[in-house]
Protein backbone atom coordinates (compact mmCIF):
# COMPACT_ATOMS: atom_id res chain seq x y z
CA MET A 1 -103.52 -76.09 75.25
CA ALA A 2 -101.18 -77.58 73.13
CA ALA A 3 -97.54 -76.26 72.44
CA ARG A 4 -97.31 -74.36 69.17
CA ARG A 5 -94.73 -75.80 67.01
CA PRO A 6 -91.90 -73.28 66.47
CA ILE A 7 -91.60 -71.97 63.12
CA ASP A 8 -88.23 -72.79 60.84
CA LEU A 9 -87.35 -73.42 57.50
CA SER A 10 -88.63 -77.01 57.50
CA THR A 11 -92.26 -75.92 58.64
CA ARG A 12 -95.25 -76.56 56.71
CA PHE A 13 -98.82 -74.91 57.42
CA ARG A 14 -102.32 -76.14 57.20
CA LEU A 15 -104.36 -73.10 56.41
CA ALA A 16 -107.47 -72.45 57.78
CA PRO A 17 -110.77 -73.00 55.67
CA ALA A 18 -111.18 -69.67 54.00
CA ALA A 19 -112.84 -67.67 51.30
CA THR A 20 -110.50 -65.82 49.26
CA ARG A 21 -110.63 -63.18 46.68
CA MET A 22 -108.03 -61.21 44.79
CA LEU A 23 -108.40 -57.73 44.70
CA GLY A 24 -105.68 -56.29 42.32
CA SER A 25 -102.50 -57.63 43.42
CA ASP A 26 -103.91 -58.31 46.94
CA LEU A 27 -105.56 -61.35 48.38
CA LEU A 28 -108.55 -60.79 50.69
CA VAL A 29 -108.85 -63.65 53.16
CA ASN A 30 -112.07 -64.13 55.29
CA VAL A 31 -112.08 -66.79 57.86
CA GLY A 32 -115.20 -67.02 60.00
CA GLY A 33 -118.04 -66.06 57.83
CA ALA A 34 -119.90 -62.74 57.21
CA THR A 35 -119.16 -61.29 60.40
CA ALA A 36 -115.42 -62.04 60.77
CA SER A 37 -112.70 -59.47 59.85
CA VAL A 38 -111.13 -59.64 56.43
CA GLN A 39 -107.36 -60.03 56.28
CA ARG A 40 -105.48 -58.13 53.38
CA LEU A 41 -102.37 -60.02 52.16
CA LEU A 42 -100.11 -57.44 50.22
CA GLY A 43 -96.79 -57.81 48.47
CA THR A 44 -95.63 -61.37 48.46
CA GLY A 45 -98.47 -62.23 50.72
CA PRO A 46 -100.55 -63.65 48.13
CA ASP A 47 -97.57 -65.84 46.67
CA LEU A 48 -96.90 -67.24 50.05
CA TRP A 49 -100.62 -68.07 50.78
CA TRP A 50 -100.41 -69.95 47.44
CA CYS A 51 -97.04 -71.95 48.37
CA PHE A 52 -98.43 -72.73 51.90
CA SER A 53 -101.61 -73.93 50.39
CA GLN A 54 -99.75 -76.21 48.16
CA GLY A 55 -97.57 -77.72 51.16
CA TYR A 56 -94.42 -75.90 50.56
CA THR A 57 -92.19 -75.55 53.60
CA VAL A 58 -90.89 -72.14 54.47
CA SER A 59 -87.62 -72.88 52.90
CA GLU A 60 -89.31 -74.00 49.60
CA ALA A 61 -91.47 -70.85 49.74
CA VAL A 62 -88.02 -68.58 50.09
CA THR A 63 -86.60 -70.55 47.13
CA TYR A 64 -89.96 -70.05 44.91
CA LEU A 65 -90.05 -66.44 45.64
CA ALA A 66 -86.36 -65.91 45.13
CA SER A 67 -86.65 -67.03 41.64
CA ARG A 68 -88.99 -64.08 40.87
CA ASP A 69 -88.40 -60.91 40.12
CA GLY A 70 -88.39 -57.88 42.92
CA ALA A 71 -87.77 -60.46 45.82
CA PRO A 72 -86.91 -58.34 49.06
CA PRO A 73 -83.55 -58.13 50.45
CA ASP A 74 -84.27 -59.99 53.80
CA LEU A 75 -86.32 -62.68 51.82
CA GLU A 76 -85.96 -65.42 54.55
CA GLY A 77 -86.67 -63.25 57.53
CA ASN A 78 -89.89 -61.72 55.78
CA VAL A 79 -91.36 -65.33 54.78
CA LEU A 80 -90.76 -66.21 58.54
CA ALA A 81 -92.33 -63.08 59.74
CA PHE A 82 -95.34 -63.56 57.52
CA ALA A 83 -95.71 -67.21 58.38
CA ALA A 84 -95.65 -66.32 62.33
CA SER A 85 -98.31 -63.71 61.51
CA LEU A 86 -100.64 -65.95 59.77
CA VAL A 87 -100.29 -68.49 62.70
CA GLU A 88 -101.04 -65.43 65.24
CA THR A 89 -103.88 -64.47 63.27
CA GLY A 90 -105.47 -67.84 63.20
CA LEU A 91 -105.18 -68.00 59.13
CA ALA A 92 -102.76 -71.27 59.51
CA GLU A 93 -101.11 -73.57 61.71
CA ALA A 94 -97.79 -75.02 61.75
CA VAL A 95 -97.67 -78.67 61.25
């Protein structure tokens, strides 16, 4: 098994091929077809999914979210935690 790349501010991601659908302000993400579980991305999750799909680094995603209203106080920590969660659930790979 290959070692996982540590996630830091310069990390970019390759998102898993997925079916996505907006449900209100949430993003539903399905990887694996009809029998796979659906992940629901809340809060800044849909924006971060978009950022990472566009090739943003973690730092660029933080900057993007910071420019918007209602950014959480520990934005950098939140983005790093979200990115780690994407990798842990198999929705993304750090590249």
